[in-house]
Amino acid sequence: MVYSPEEYERLKAFYKEDLAKRKAIQEQFRRALLRQKAEWHVAQMRASLERLGIAPEAEGEPSPTETPNPTADSPPDLPPDSPPKTLL
């Protein structure tokens, strides 16, 4: 079947529009599926924490961060006139 140039352009425009709609629907479905999977994993993690007796962190509150103690990792300061310590 031979199409006139106008018919061909209309069909091409319709195809592009239909393709864009299908891609949008597929993207919405993909995002909904990813959200569902993520929510399932979060629910599993919460249930596991509860079974272990660990309370999950409250939502919206920042988690307390440990401030490293700079003196804990460094050796104690020696007086300047003391001899250096050796292993042998």
C-alpha atoms as a PDB file:
ATOM      1  CA  MET A   1       0.000   0.000   0.000  1.00  0.00           C
ATOM      2  CA  VAL A   2       1.408   3.361  -1.014  1.00  0.00           C
ATOM      3  CA  TYR A   3       0.878   6.382   1.232  1.00  0.00           C
ATOM      4  CA  SER A   4       0.757   9.984   0.144  1.00  0.00           C
ATOM      5  CA  PRO A   5       3.351  12.274   1.751  1.00  0.00           C
ATOM      6  CA  GLU A   6       0.671  13.817   4.009  1.00  0.00           C
ATOM      7  CA  GLU A   7      -0.578  10.420   5.164  1.00  0.00           C
ATOM      8  CA  TYR A   8       2.977   9.281   5.781  1.00  0.00           C
ATOM      9  CA  GLU A   9       3.725  12.361   7.922  1.00  0.00           C
ATOM     10  CA  ARG A  10       0.512  11.859   9.933  1.00  0.00           C
ATOM     11  CA  LEU A  11       1.331   8.194  10.521  1.00  0.00           C
ATOM     12  CA  LYS A  12       4.883   9.076  11.533  1.00  0.00           C
ATOM     13  CA  ALA A  13       3.658  11.755  13.975  1.00  0.00           C
ATOM     14  CA  PHE A  14       1.064   9.361  15.425  1.00  0.00           C
ATOM     15  CA  TYR A  15       3.716   6.659  15.850  1.00  0.00           C
ATOM     16  CA  LYS A  16       6.109   9.053  17.638  1.00  0.00           C
ATOM     17  CA  GLU A  17       3.357  10.260  19.959  1.00  0.00           C
ATOM     18  CA  ASP A  18       2.246   6.711  20.715  1.00  0.00           C
ATOM     19  CA  LEU A  19       5.834   5.642  21.364  1.00  0.00           C
ATOM     20  CA  ALA A  20       6.369   8.555  23.763  1.00  0.00           C
ATOM     21  CA  LYS A  21       3.182   7.642  25.664  1.00  0.00           C
ATOM     22  CA  ARG A  22       4.216   3.989  25.933  1.00  0.00           C
ATOM     23  CA  LYS A  23       7.683   4.957  27.172  1.00  0.00           C
ATOM     24  CA  ALA A  24       6.138   7.248  29.802  1.00  0.00           C
ATOM     25  CA  ILE A  25       3.839   4.471  31.009  1.00  0.00           C
ATOM     26  CA  GLN A  26       6.735   2.011  31.152  1.00  0.00           C
ATOM     27  CA  GLU A  27       8.838   4.532  33.118  1.00  0.00           C
ATOM     28  CA  GLN A  28       6.012   5.057  35.622  1.00  0.00           C
ATOM     29  CA  PHE A  29       5.661   1.301  36.016  1.00  0.00           C
ATOM     30  CA  ARG A  30       9.430   0.884  36.454  1.00  0.00           C
ATOM     31  CA  ARG A  31       9.562   3.570  39.149  1.00  0.00           C
ATOM     32  CA  ALA A  32       6.556   2.116  40.964  1.00  0.00           C
ATOM     33  CA  LEU A  33       8.194  -1.314  40.932  1.00  0.00           C
ATOM     34  CA  LEU A  34      11.500   0.073  42.233  1.00  0.00           C
ATOM     35  CA  ARG A  35       9.667   1.941  45.002  1.00  0.00           C
ATOM     36  CA  GLN A  36       7.777  -1.226  45.936  1.00  0.00           C
ATOM     37  CA  LYS A  37      11.000  -3.236  46.094  1.00  0.00           C
ATOM     38  CA  ALA A  38      12.719  -0.566  48.198  1.00  0.00           C
ATOM     39  CA  GLU A  39       9.804  -0.407  50.633  1.00  0.00           C
ATOM     40  CA  TRP A  40       9.857  -4.201  50.941  1.00  0.00           C
ATOM     41  CA  HIS A  41      13.588  -4.168  51.725  1.00  0.00           C
ATOM     42  CA  VAL A  42      13.098  -1.436  54.327  1.00  0.00           C
ATOM     43  CA  ALA A  43      10.311  -3.441  55.952  1.00  0.00           C
ATOM     44  CA  GLN A  44      12.538  -6.537  56.013  1.00  0.00           C
ATOM     45  CA  MET A  45      15.395  -4.565  57.579  1.00  0.00           C
ATOM     46  CA  ARG A  46      13.104  -3.107  60.259  1.00  0.00           C
ATOM     47  CA  ALA A  47      11.714  -6.546  61.081  1.00  0.00           C
ATOM     48  CA  SER A  48      15.242  -7.958  61.352  1.00  0.00           C
ATOM     49  CA  LEU A  49      16.334  -5.135  63.639  1.00  0.00           C
ATOM     50  CA  GLU A  50      13.304  -5.657  65.847  1.00  0.00           C
ATOM     51  CA  ARG A  51      14.048  -9.392  66.087  1.00  0.00           C
ATOM     52  CA  LEU A  52      17.613  -8.556  67.125  1.00  0.00           C
ATOM     53  CA  GLY A  53      16.334  -6.133  69.731  1.00  0.00           C
ATOM     54  CA  ILE A  54      17.786  -3.081  68.054  1.00  0.00           C
ATOM     55  CA  ALA A  55      15.492  -0.096  67.836  1.00  0.00           C
ATOM     56  CA  PRO A  56      15.493   1.497  64.400  1.00  0.00           C
ATOM     57  CA  GLU A  57      16.482   5.160  64.288  1.00  0.00           C
ATOM     58  CA  ALA A  58      13.664   7.659  64.429  1.00  0.00           C
ATOM     59  CA  GLU A  59      12.878   9.100  61.035  1.00  0.00           C
ATOM     60  CA  GLY A  60      13.780  12.705  60.494  1.00  0.00           C
ATOM     61  CA  GLU A  61      16.360  12.817  63.259  1.00  0.00           C
ATOM     62  CA  PRO A  62      20.022  12.879  62.300  1.00  0.00           C
ATOM     63  CA  SER A  63      21.963   9.923  63.565  1.00  0.00           C
ATOM     64  CA  PRO A  64      24.507  10.727  66.250  1.00  0.00           C
ATOM     65  CA  THR A  65      27.986  10.673  64.834  1.00  0.00           C
ATOM     66  CA  GLU A  66      30.944   9.647  66.861  1.00  0.00           C
ATOM     67  CA  THR A  67      33.560  12.332  67.156  1.00  0.00           C
ATOM     68  CA  PRO A  68      36.981  10.770  66.973  1.00  0.00           C
ATOM     69  CA  ASN A  69      39.214  11.444  69.934  1.00  0.00           C
ATOM     70  CA  PRO A  70      42.471  12.782  68.482  1.00  0.00           C
ATOM     71  CA  THR A  71      44.469  11.813  71.581  1.00  0.00           C
ATOM     72  CA  ALA A  72      43.252   8.208  71.598  1.00  0.00           C
ATOM     73  CA  ASP A  73      45.204   7.209  68.483  1.00  0.00           C
ATOM     74  CA  SER A  74      48.331   9.243  69.055  1.00  0.00           C
ATOM     75  CA  PRO A  75      51.021   8.187  71.539  1.00  0.00           C
ATOM     76  CA  PRO A  76      51.286  10.208  74.744  1.00  0.00           C
ATOM     77  CA  ASP A  77      53.545  13.221  74.600  1.00  0.00           C
ATOM     78  CA  LEU A  78      56.934  12.638  76.196  1.00  0.00           C
ATOM     79  CA  PRO A  79      58.840  15.334  78.002  1.00  0.00           C
ATOM     80  CA  PRO A  80      61.517  16.808  75.706  1.00  0.00           C
ATOM     81  CA  ASP A  81      64.444  15.718  77.912  1.00  0.00           C
ATOM     82  CA  SER A  82      63.428  12.055  78.258  1.00  0.00           C
ATOM     83  CA  PRO A  83      65.304   9.447  76.205  1.00  0.00           C
ATOM     84  CA  PRO A  84      63.410   7.841  73.325  1.00  0.00           C
ATOM     85  CA  LYS A  85      61.814   4.490  74.086  1.00  0.00           C
ATOM     86  CA  THR A  86      63.076   1.452  72.191  1.00  0.00           C
ATOM     87  CA  LEU A  87      61.840  -2.095  72.026  1.00  0.00           C
ATOM     88  CA  LEU A  88      65.211  -3.679  72.819  1.00  0.00           C
END
